[in-house]
Amino acid sequence: MADFNVTEKVDITDVVCPITFVKAKAVIEELETGDILEILLNDGEPVQNVPRSLKDEGHKILKLDDNGNGTYTLYVEKGEE
């Protein structure tokens, strides 16, 4: 559990790349600058691609937690548009 004031949560464990990033991006676009999004994602391509793609879009990766069950929890702060 992270010490962040999470604004929104999204579970993208039910979709595969590249839809994982598309779903995460759609949610973060609805947030205000500085808001924090918690994303639950699978190991493999999602955990490799989603954080990198969000960072490339100008958002700040705060923390990536390994949940120990094949999933990860990613905390992202929305950057300025």
C-alpha atoms as a PDB file:
ATOM      1  CA  MET A   1       0.000   0.000   0.000  1.00  0.00           C
ATOM      2  CA  ALA A   2       1.382   3.364  -0.987  1.00  0.00           C
ATOM      3  CA  ASP A   3       1.252   6.604   0.951  1.00  0.00           C
ATOM      4  CA  PHE A   4      -0.450   8.556  -1.819  1.00  0.00           C
ATOM      5  CA  ASN A   5      -3.795  10.322  -1.905  1.00  0.00           C
ATOM      6  CA  VAL A   6      -5.194   8.288  -4.791  1.00  0.00           C
ATOM      7  CA  THR A   7      -7.755  10.180  -6.856  1.00  0.00           C
ATOM      8  CA  GLU A   8      -8.871   7.353  -9.144  1.00  0.00           C
ATOM      9  CA  LYS A   9      -8.287   3.610  -9.590  1.00  0.00           C
ATOM     10  CA  VAL A  10      -8.404   1.464 -12.716  1.00  0.00           C
ATOM     11  CA  ASP A  11      -7.987  -2.299 -13.132  1.00  0.00           C
ATOM     12  CA  ILE A  12      -6.574  -3.207 -16.545  1.00  0.00           C
ATOM     13  CA  THR A  13      -5.797  -6.849 -15.766  1.00  0.00           C
ATOM     14  CA  ASP A  14      -8.666  -7.953 -18.017  1.00  0.00           C
ATOM     15  CA  VAL A  15      -7.207  -6.494 -21.243  1.00  0.00           C
ATOM     16  CA  VAL A  16      -4.058  -7.044 -23.302  1.00  0.00           C
ATOM     17  CA  CYS A  17      -1.540  -4.663 -24.887  1.00  0.00           C
ATOM     18  CA  PRO A  18      -1.926  -2.195 -26.480  1.00  0.00           C
ATOM     19  CA  ILE A  19      -5.431  -1.758 -25.005  1.00  0.00           C
ATOM     20  CA  THR A  20      -3.898  -1.646 -21.514  1.00  0.00           C
ATOM     21  CA  PHE A  21      -2.279   1.720 -22.259  1.00  0.00           C
ATOM     22  CA  VAL A  22      -5.382   2.993 -24.060  1.00  0.00           C
ATOM     23  CA  LYS A  23      -7.549   2.283 -20.986  1.00  0.00           C
ATOM     24  CA  ALA A  24      -5.028   3.840 -18.577  1.00  0.00           C
ATOM     25  CA  LYS A  25      -4.636   6.912 -20.796  1.00  0.00           C
ATOM     26  CA  ALA A  26      -8.416   7.379 -21.059  1.00  0.00           C
ATOM     27  CA  VAL A  27      -8.732   7.446 -17.264  1.00  0.00           C
ATOM     28  CA  ILE A  28      -5.759   9.749 -16.604  1.00  0.00           C
ATOM     29  CA  GLU A  29      -6.997  12.228 -19.225  1.00  0.00           C
ATOM     30  CA  GLU A  30     -10.123  12.770 -17.103  1.00  0.00           C
ATOM     31  CA  LEU A  31      -8.063  13.764 -14.052  1.00  0.00           C
ATOM     32  CA  GLU A  32      -6.661  17.142 -13.052  1.00  0.00           C
ATOM     33  CA  THR A  33      -2.939  17.935 -13.074  1.00  0.00           C
ATOM     34  CA  GLY A  34      -1.383  16.546  -9.880  1.00  0.00           C
ATOM     35  CA  ASP A  35      -4.078  13.915  -9.345  1.00  0.00           C
ATOM     36  CA  ILE A  36      -2.879  10.378  -8.675  1.00  0.00           C
ATOM     37  CA  LEU A  37      -4.077   7.321 -10.574  1.00  0.00           C
ATOM     38  CA  GLU A  38      -3.669   3.812  -9.191  1.00  0.00           C
ATOM     39  CA  ILE A  39      -3.469   1.193 -11.944  1.00  0.00           C
ATOM     40  CA  LEU A  40      -3.680  -2.560 -11.391  1.00  0.00           C
ATOM     41  CA  LEU A  41      -1.901  -4.343 -14.251  1.00  0.00           C
ATOM     42  CA  ASN A  42      -0.469  -7.726 -15.184  1.00  0.00           C
ATOM     43  CA  ASP A  43       3.144  -8.817 -15.378  1.00  0.00           C
ATOM     44  CA  GLY A  44       4.780  -8.994 -18.806  1.00  0.00           C
ATOM     45  CA  GLU A  45       4.017  -6.495 -21.562  1.00  0.00           C
ATOM     46  CA  PRO A  46       1.629  -4.327 -19.506  1.00  0.00           C
ATOM     47  CA  VAL A  47       4.107  -3.704 -16.674  1.00  0.00           C
ATOM     48  CA  GLN A  48       6.857  -2.991 -19.222  1.00  0.00           C
ATOM     49  CA  ASN A  49       4.864  -0.759 -21.575  1.00  0.00           C
ATOM     50  CA  VAL A  50       2.242   1.129 -19.546  1.00  0.00           C
ATOM     51  CA  PRO A  51       4.635   2.956 -17.154  1.00  0.00           C
ATOM     52  CA  ARG A  52       6.997   3.873 -20.005  1.00  0.00           C
ATOM     53  CA  SER A  53       4.162   5.110 -22.220  1.00  0.00           C
ATOM     54  CA  LEU A  54       2.602   7.204 -19.440  1.00  0.00           C
ATOM     55  CA  LYS A  55       6.004   8.715 -18.632  1.00  0.00           C
ATOM     56  CA  ASP A  56       6.485   9.516 -22.335  1.00  0.00           C
ATOM     57  CA  GLU A  57       3.131  11.347 -22.210  1.00  0.00           C
ATOM     58  CA  GLY A  58       4.491  13.623 -19.456  1.00  0.00           C
ATOM     59  CA  HIS A  59       3.121  11.907 -16.356  1.00  0.00           C
ATOM     60  CA  LYS A  60       5.208  11.060 -13.281  1.00  0.00           C
ATOM     61  CA  ILE A  61       5.644   7.450 -12.207  1.00  0.00           C
ATOM     62  CA  LEU A  62       5.545   7.519  -8.405  1.00  0.00           C
ATOM     63  CA  LYS A  63       5.797   3.847  -7.492  1.00  0.00           C
ATOM     64  CA  LEU A  64       5.412   0.351  -8.905  1.00  0.00           C
ATOM     65  CA  ASP A  65       4.517  -2.364  -6.393  1.00  0.00           C
ATOM     66  CA  ASP A  66       4.825  -6.093  -7.129  1.00  0.00           C
ATOM     67  CA  ASN A  67       1.718  -7.675  -5.619  1.00  0.00           C
ATOM     68  CA  GLY A  68       3.345 -11.139  -5.687  1.00  0.00           C
ATOM     69  CA  ASN A  69       0.515 -12.724  -7.661  1.00  0.00           C
ATOM     70  CA  GLY A  70       1.435 -11.822 -11.234  1.00  0.00           C
ATOM     71  CA  THR A  71      -0.006  -8.317 -10.916  1.00  0.00           C
ATOM     72  CA  TYR A  72       1.464  -4.924 -10.126  1.00  0.00           C
ATOM     73  CA  THR A  73       0.061  -1.698  -8.736  1.00  0.00           C
ATOM     74  CA  LEU A  74       1.315   1.416 -10.485  1.00  0.00           C
ATOM     75  CA  TYR A  75       0.922   4.917  -9.033  1.00  0.00           C
ATOM     76  CA  VAL A  76       1.029   7.767 -11.538  1.00  0.00           C
ATOM     77  CA  GLU A  77       0.750  11.514 -10.971  1.00  0.00           C
ATOM     78  CA  LYS A  78      -0.899  13.321 -13.850  1.00  0.00           C
ATOM     79  CA  GLY A  79       1.441  15.774 -15.520  1.00  0.00           C
ATOM     80  CA  GLU A  80       0.564  19.118 -17.059  1.00  0.00           C
ATOM     81  CA  GLU A  81      -1.261  19.093 -20.349  1.00  0.00           C
END
